[in-house]
């Protein structure tokens, strides 16, 4: 591997920890892109967003001893390899690493075996579920080693919501706990408004034992994740059963608030937008995925408080600002990654 000299001090036991990376300068940007293997922009943009999630990635590195010792942890090892290769200027090695990652995911879900365009949200969900599925085995392996293992998906991404159905006739309630990887929101003016619409409750046709046929349904957060992933529903089925893209402009809320009244514990939270996966194109059957991400504090020069973001368009990486990104991606933003403050 060819690694830029500025990354050498971030290397530990042959691995590069993105969290420990020194501040980046312009000449480093050429290394950060990921080549497109064959319509794999959905994979590249998703990986760039995952690698921006500081706490999530740090959790992986905190338990490196455990997953390196477990033969079934291929997806974590391959994700680690992608993270390392981002700091390399060896394009052939990057292609090999990305091919290995794609093949690992395809072994878990055959949908990703061919070279056709895929949905970035489906790919993200698959990768996160793969990592989550290893949790029990890795916890047992850690116990044998006399250490502990914390699944990064469980610790940072998964959250629980309480689904409460209330009969409008007798007031009888039925409650169900549900686990989520992300929220899928219908675009409604802004991300903040879309979230409030999702949480405000809805009418439900339900036959209660009291004879009433209408109920209300309300969702509330039981737990709040460190990383809140939001999918904006950009694709819908038409009356003729065709899939079409929805390009309504959505104001991309940079500081997202979960109000206390929307949580069971009556404790709210504030989230900051750190990464966006956008689908560029006018139809649901073609287009191109790109990623925009804020630069982590560790990657900024000391004292730099500027609004610096990076745009990852496969192997091409350019500098931009968060303000510019949020203006330009209003009609294309598809996946939004928020980190809890």
Protein backbone atom coordinates (compact mmCIF):
# COMPACT_ATOMS: atom_id res chain seq x y z
CA UNK A 1 0.00 0.00 0.00
CA UNK A 2 1.15 3.54 -0.73
CA UNK A 3 0.18 5.81 2.15
CA UNK A 4 0.66 9.55 2.26
CA UNK A 5 3.32 10.59 4.75
CA UNK A 6 0.80 12.69 6.68
CA UNK A 7 -1.07 9.49 7.59
CA UNK A 8 1.86 7.52 8.97
CA UNK A 9 1.43 8.83 12.51
CA UNK A 10 -2.20 7.63 12.47
CA UNK A 11 -1.15 4.04 11.79
CA UNK A 12 -1.46 1.52 14.60
CA UNK A 13 -0.42 -2.12 14.12
CA UNK A 14 -0.60 -1.76 10.38
CA UNK A 15 -4.05 -0.19 10.47
CA UNK A 16 -5.05 3.44 9.92
CA UNK A 17 -7.60 4.81 12.34
CA UNK A 18 -9.58 7.58 10.59
CA UNK A 19 -10.44 9.03 13.99
CA UNK A 20 -6.75 9.59 14.72
CA UNK A 21 -5.91 11.04 11.33
CA UNK A 22 -3.98 14.33 11.37
CA UNK A 23 -5.45 17.46 9.75
CA UNK A 24 -5.89 17.15 6.00
CA UNK A 25 -4.46 19.57 3.49
CA UNK A 26 -5.41 19.95 -0.17
CA UNK A 27 -2.86 17.44 -1.48
CA UNK A 28 -4.42 14.74 0.74
CA UNK A 29 -7.84 15.08 -0.92
CA UNK A 30 -6.76 13.23 -4.05
CA UNK A 31 -6.38 10.09 -1.94
CA UNK A 32 -9.81 10.11 -0.32
CA UNK A 33 -11.93 9.14 -3.33
CA UNK A 34 -13.15 5.63 -4.16
CA UNK A 35 -13.13 4.35 -7.76
CA UNK A 36 -16.38 3.25 -9.38
CA UNK A 37 -16.12 -0.48 -10.18
CA UNK A 38 -19.24 -0.62 -12.39
CA UNK A 39 -22.25 1.42 -11.30
CA UNK A 40 -21.10 1.14 -7.67
CA UNK A 41 -21.66 4.79 -6.78
CA UNK A 42 -24.36 3.58 -4.34
CA UNK A 43 -21.66 1.65 -2.46
CA UNK A 44 -19.02 4.38 -2.58
CA UNK A 45 -21.32 7.10 -1.28
CA UNK A 46 -22.66 4.86 1.50
CA UNK A 47 -19.14 3.90 2.60
CA UNK A 48 -18.00 7.51 2.66
CA UNK A 49 -20.91 8.41 4.94
CA UNK A 50 -20.26 5.47 7.28
CA UNK A 51 -16.58 6.36 7.52
CA UNK A 52 -17.54 9.91 8.57
CA UNK A 53 -19.41 8.66 11.66
CA UNK A 54 -16.70 9.26 14.25
CA UNK A 55 -18.25 7.41 17.19
CA UNK A 56 -19.35 4.46 15.06
CA UNK A 57 -15.90 4.01 13.53
CA UNK A 58 -14.17 4.53 16.88
CA UNK A 59 -16.33 1.74 18.34
CA UNK A 60 -15.08 -0.60 15.63
CA UNK A 61 -11.44 0.24 16.39
CA UNK A 62 -11.99 -0.09 20.12
CA UNK A 63 -12.78 -3.78 19.61
CA UNK A 64 -10.28 -4.57 16.88
CA UNK A 65 -8.71 -7.32 18.99
CA UNK A 66 -12.00 -9.21 19.05
CA UNK A 67 -13.12 -9.03 15.42
CA UNK A 68 -9.63 -9.68 14.06
CA UNK A 69 -9.64 -13.00 15.94
CA UNK A 70 -13.03 -14.08 14.56
CA UNK A 71 -13.07 -15.64 11.09
CA UNK A 72 -16.70 -14.72 10.46
CA UNK A 73 -16.17 -10.97 10.85
CA UNK A 74 -15.33 -10.45 7.21
CA UNK A 75 -17.61 -7.45 6.70
CA UNK A 76 -15.94 -5.54 9.55
CA UNK A 77 -12.46 -6.42 8.29
CA UNK A 78 -13.38 -5.32 4.78
CA UNK A 79 -14.86 -2.07 6.08
CA UNK A 80 -11.61 -1.52 7.97
CA UNK A 81 -9.67 -2.18 4.76
CA UNK A 82 -11.75 0.40 2.91
CA UNK A 83 -11.04 2.92 5.65
CA UNK A 84 -7.32 2.25 5.33
CA UNK A 85 -7.34 2.41 1.54
CA UNK A 86 -8.94 5.87 1.56
CA UNK A 87 -5.56 7.27 2.52
CA UNK A 88 -3.76 5.45 -0.28
CA UNK A 89 -2.98 6.75 -3.76
CA UNK A 90 -2.82 3.18 -5.09
CA UNK A 91 -5.92 2.97 -7.31
CA UNK A 92 -5.48 -0.72 -8.09
CA UNK A 93 -5.41 -1.61 -4.42
CA UNK A 94 -8.55 0.45 -3.83
CA UNK A 95 -10.36 -1.45 -6.57
CA UNK A 96 -9.34 -4.77 -5.02
CA UNK A 97 -10.49 -3.67 -1.56
CA UNK A 98 -13.84 -2.39 -2.86
CA UNK A 99 -14.36 -5.57 -4.88
CA UNK A 100 -13.75 -7.66 -1.77
CA UNK A 101 -16.21 -5.56 0.23
CA UNK A 102 -18.91 -5.84 -2.44
CA UNK A 103 -18.42 -9.61 -2.70
CA UNK A 104 -18.71 -9.96 1.08
CA UNK A 105 -22.03 -8.09 1.06
CA UNK A 106 -23.23 -10.12 -1.95
CA UNK A 107 -22.53 -13.36 -0.06
CA UNK A 108 -24.98 -12.12 2.58
CA UNK A 109 -27.53 -10.71 0.10
CA UNK A 110 -27.46 -11.91 -3.51
CA UNK A 111 -29.22 -8.69 -4.63
CA UNK A 112 -25.78 -7.08 -4.75
CA UNK A 113 -24.04 -9.73 -6.84
CA UNK A 114 -24.44 -8.14 -10.28
CA UNK A 115 -23.16 -4.83 -11.62
CA UNK A 116 -26.49 -3.06 -12.04
CA UNK A 117 -27.45 0.14 -10.21
CA UNK A 118 -28.71 -0.48 -6.66
CA UNK A 119 -30.48 1.50 -3.97
CA UNK A 120 -28.12 3.16 -1.49
CA UNK A 121 -30.58 2.80 1.40
CA UNK A 122 -30.96 -0.93 0.81
CA UNK A 123 -27.18 -1.30 0.67
CA UNK A 124 -26.71 0.68 3.89
CA UNK A 125 -29.34 -1.40 5.70
CA UNK A 126 -27.71 -4.60 4.50
CA UNK A 127 -24.25 -3.60 5.74
CA UNK A 128 -25.54 -2.47 9.14
CA UNK A 129 -27.57 -5.67 9.56
CA UNK A 130 -24.50 -7.73 8.65
CA UNK A 131 -22.45 -6.06 11.38
CA UNK A 132 -25.31 -6.43 13.85
CA UNK A 133 -25.69 -10.14 13.06
CA UNK A 134 -22.15 -10.76 14.35
CA UNK A 135 -22.88 -9.33 17.79
CA UNK A 136 -23.62 -12.57 19.66
CA UNK A 137 -20.65 -14.47 18.23
CA UNK A 138 -18.27 -11.60 18.92
CA UNK A 139 -19.54 -11.19 22.47
CA UNK A 140 -18.84 -14.87 23.10
CA UNK A 141 -15.42 -14.59 21.49
CA UNK A 142 -14.66 -11.56 23.65
CA UNK A 143 -15.70 -13.41 26.81
CA UNK A 144 -13.23 -16.20 26.00
CA UNK A 145 -10.53 -13.53 25.61
CA UNK A 146 -11.48 -11.94 28.93
CA UNK A 147 -12.65 -8.68 27.32
CA UNK A 148 -15.98 -7.21 26.24
CA UNK A 149 -17.42 -6.46 22.81
CA UNK A 150 -19.86 -3.68 22.00
CA UNK A 151 -21.58 -3.82 18.62
CA UNK A 152 -21.17 -0.44 16.87
CA UNK A 153 -24.61 -0.72 15.29
CA UNK A 154 -26.29 -1.45 18.62
CA UNK A 155 -24.34 1.27 20.41
CA UNK A 156 -24.71 4.05 17.86
CA UNK A 157 -27.38 3.37 15.23
CA UNK A 158 -30.18 1.13 16.49
CA UNK A 159 -32.97 2.75 18.51
CA UNK A 160 -36.36 1.74 19.83
CA UNK A 161 -39.74 3.38 19.45
CA UNK A 162 -43.02 2.77 21.22
CA UNK A 163 -45.99 2.33 18.89
CA UNK A 164 -49.19 3.18 20.78
CA UNK A 165 -52.64 2.53 19.34
CA UNK A 166 -55.55 4.24 21.15
CA UNK A 167 -59.20 3.45 20.46
CA UNK A 168 -61.23 6.63 19.87
CA UNK A 169 -64.29 4.94 21.36
CA UNK A 170 -63.20 3.50 24.70
CA UNK A 171 -59.65 4.82 25.01
CA UNK A 172 -58.18 1.31 25.27
CA UNK A 173 -54.47 1.31 24.38
CA UNK A 174 -52.22 -1.27 22.79
CA UNK A 175 -48.45 -0.74 22.90
CA UNK A 176 -45.67 -2.36 20.92
CA UNK A 177 -41.91 -1.78 21.09
CA UNK A 178 -40.20 -1.62 17.69
CA UNK A 179 -36.52 -1.49 16.71
CA UNK A 180 -35.29 0.85 13.97
CA UNK A 181 -32.14 1.40 11.95
CA UNK A 182 -33.44 4.66 10.52
CA UNK A 183 -36.56 6.74 10.00
CA UNK A 184 -38.19 6.91 6.57
CA UNK A 185 -39.85 10.31 6.20
CA UNK A 186 -42.17 11.77 3.60
CA UNK A 187 -40.70 15.10 2.38
CA UNK A 188 -42.64 17.98 3.94
CA UNK A 189 -41.02 21.38 3.59
CA UNK A 190 -38.00 20.69 5.78
CA UNK A 191 -36.42 17.72 7.51
CA UNK A 192 -37.59 19.12 10.84
CA UNK A 193 -41.19 19.43 9.61
CA UNK A 194 -41.03 15.95 8.08
CA UNK A 195 -39.93 14.52 11.43
CA UNK A 196 -42.70 16.32 13.31
CA UNK A 197 -45.29 15.07 10.81
CA UNK A 198 -44.02 11.54 11.35
CA UNK A 199 -44.28 11.83 15.14
CA UNK A 200 -47.57 13.71 15.46
CA UNK A 201 -49.71 10.60 15.08
CA UNK A 202 -52.16 9.33 12.49
CA UNK A 203 -55.69 7.99 12.13
CA UNK A 204 -56.07 4.23 11.88
CA UNK A 205 -59.01 2.05 10.86
CA UNK A 206 -59.11 -0.64 13.53
CA UNK A 207 -62.03 -2.66 14.88
CA UNK A 208 -61.89 -2.48 18.69
CA UNK A 209 -63.71 -4.95 20.96
CA UNK A 210 -65.89 -2.02 22.11
CA UNK A 211 -67.29 -1.76 18.59
CA UNK A 212 -65.54 1.44 17.56
CA UNK A 213 -63.76 1.31 14.22
CA UNK A 214 -61.30 4.18 14.53
CA UNK A 215 -58.08 4.56 16.49
CA UNK A 216 -55.09 6.87 16.63
CA UNK A 217 -51.53 5.67 16.27
CA UNK A 218 -48.60 7.47 17.92
CA UNK A 219 -44.86 6.81 17.75
CA UNK A 220 -42.50 7.93 20.52
CA UNK A 221 -38.79 7.39 21.05
CA UNK A 222 -37.97 4.82 23.73
CA UNK A 223 -34.25 5.31 23.13
CA UNK A 224 -32.34 7.91 21.15
CA UNK A 225 -29.43 6.85 18.92
CA UNK A 226 -26.03 8.51 18.77
CA UNK A 227 -26.46 8.51 14.99
CA UNK A 228 -29.92 9.26 13.62
CA UNK A 229 -30.19 8.18 9.98
CA UNK A 230 -33.07 9.60 7.99
CA UNK A 231 -34.23 8.37 4.62
CA UNK A 232 -36.26 10.87 2.61
CA UNK A 233 -38.80 8.94 0.56
CA UNK A 234 -37.68 10.01 -2.91
CA UNK A 235 -39.31 7.11 -4.74
CA UNK A 236 -43.01 6.15 -4.90
CA UNK A 237 -45.36 3.83 -6.76
CA UNK A 238 -47.74 5.58 -9.17
CA UNK A 239 -51.36 4.64 -9.87
CA UNK A 240 -50.09 2.67 -12.87
CA UNK A 241 -47.68 0.76 -10.61
CA UNK A 242 -44.58 2.44 -11.95
CA UNK A 243 -41.76 3.66 -9.75
CA UNK A 244 -41.14 7.39 -9.99
CA UNK A 245 -38.72 9.76 -8.32
CA UNK A 246 -39.99 12.53 -6.06
CA UNK A 247 -37.86 15.66 -6.43
CA UNK A 248 -39.72 17.99 -4.08
CA UNK A 249 -37.31 20.48 -2.49
CA UNK A 250 -36.68 19.84 1.20
CA UNK A 251 -34.91 22.31 3.46
CA UNK A 252 -32.04 20.32 4.92
CA UNK A 253 -32.18 21.09 8.62
CA UNK A 254 -28.61 21.18 9.93
CA UNK A 255 -29.55 21.17 13.62
CA UNK A 256 -32.34 18.66 14.20
CA UNK A 257 -34.18 18.67 17.54
CA UNK A 258 -36.08 15.75 19.03
CA UNK A 259 -38.45 17.38 21.49
CA UNK A 260 -38.92 15.92 24.99
CA UNK A 261 -42.64 15.31 24.33
CA UNK A 262 -41.66 12.90 21.54
CA UNK A 263 -39.73 10.65 23.92
CA UNK A 264 -40.98 8.30 26.63
CA UNK A 265 -38.33 9.57 29.03
CA UNK A 266 -39.30 13.21 28.36
CA UNK A 267 -35.64 13.87 27.47
CA UNK A 268 -34.99 15.44 24.10
CA UNK A 269 -31.80 15.65 22.04
CA UNK A 270 -30.10 17.81 19.44
CA UNK A 271 -28.46 16.37 16.34
CA UNK A 272 -26.02 17.87 13.84
CA UNK A 273 -26.06 16.97 10.16
CA UNK A 274 -22.68 15.43 9.23
CA UNK A 275 -23.25 13.59 5.96
CA UNK A 276 -25.68 13.34 3.03
CA UNK A 277 -26.08 10.73 0.30
CA UNK A 278 -27.85 12.28 -2.69
CA UNK A 279 -29.38 10.69 -5.77
CA UNK A 280 -28.75 12.85 -8.83
CA UNK A 281 -31.09 12.19 -11.73
CA UNK A 282 -34.70 12.68 -12.74
CA UNK A 283 -35.89 9.05 -12.78
CA UNK A 284 -35.96 6.14 -10.35
CA UNK A 285 -34.25 3.84 -12.83
CA UNK A 286 -31.10 5.82 -13.51
CA UNK A 287 -28.94 8.42 -11.88
CA UNK A 288 -25.85 8.81 -9.78
CA UNK A 289 -25.15 8.77 -6.04
CA UNK A 290 -22.72 11.15 -4.37
CA UNK A 291 -21.83 11.89 -0.76
CA UNK A 292 -21.26 15.21 0.98
CA UNK A 293 -19.73 15.12 4.46
CA UNK A 294 -18.56 17.64 7.00
CA UNK A 295 -14.92 17.43 7.92
CA UNK A 296 -14.47 15.86 11.34
CA UNK A 297 -12.84 18.07 13.96
CA UNK A 298 -9.77 15.85 13.85
CA UNK A 299 -9.32 16.59 10.14
CA UNK A 300 -9.38 20.37 10.55
CA UNK A 301 -6.37 22.47 11.32
CA UNK A 302 -6.26 23.62 14.94
CA UNK A 303 -8.44 26.67 15.43
CA UNK A 304 -10.27 26.19 12.11
CA UNK A 305 -13.97 26.85 12.72
CA UNK A 306 -14.94 27.18 9.06
CA UNK A 307 -17.90 25.33 7.57
CA UNK A 308 -15.72 22.92 5.58
CA UNK A 309 -17.33 19.95 3.85
CA UNK A 310 -16.12 17.50 1.22
CA UNK A 311 -18.01 16.23 -1.82
CA UNK A 312 -17.22 12.61 -2.71
CA UNK A 313 -18.10 11.86 -6.33
CA UNK A 314 -16.56 8.41 -6.62
CA UNK A 315 -12.80 9.02 -6.95
CA UNK A 316 -13.18 12.78 -7.30
CA UNK A 317 -13.14 14.75 -4.04
CA UNK A 318 -13.67 18.50 -3.83
CA UNK A 319 -14.01 21.01 -1.02
CA UNK A 320 -17.24 22.85 -0.35
CA UNK A 321 -19.23 24.25 2.58
CA UNK A 322 -22.16 22.90 4.53
CA UNK A 323 -24.23 25.91 3.56
CA UNK A 324 -23.62 25.29 -0.12
CA UNK A 325 -24.38 21.58 0.18
CA UNK A 326 -27.68 22.17 1.97
CA UNK A 327 -28.72 24.62 -0.76
CA UNK A 328 -27.70 22.41 -3.68
CA UNK A 329 -29.05 19.07 -2.42
CA UNK A 330 -32.60 20.12 -1.52
CA UNK A 331 -34.09 18.15 -4.43
CA UNK A 332 -31.65 15.24 -4.35
CA UNK A 333 -30.84 14.44 -0.70
CA UNK A 334 -31.81 10.84 0.02
CA UNK A 335 -29.98 9.69 3.18
CA UNK A 336 -29.17 12.09 6.00
CA UNK A 337 -26.77 11.22 8.82
CA UNK A 338 -27.14 13.17 12.06
CA UNK A 339 -24.82 12.84 15.06
CA UNK A 340 -26.08 13.58 18.57
CA UNK A 341 -24.49 16.69 20.06
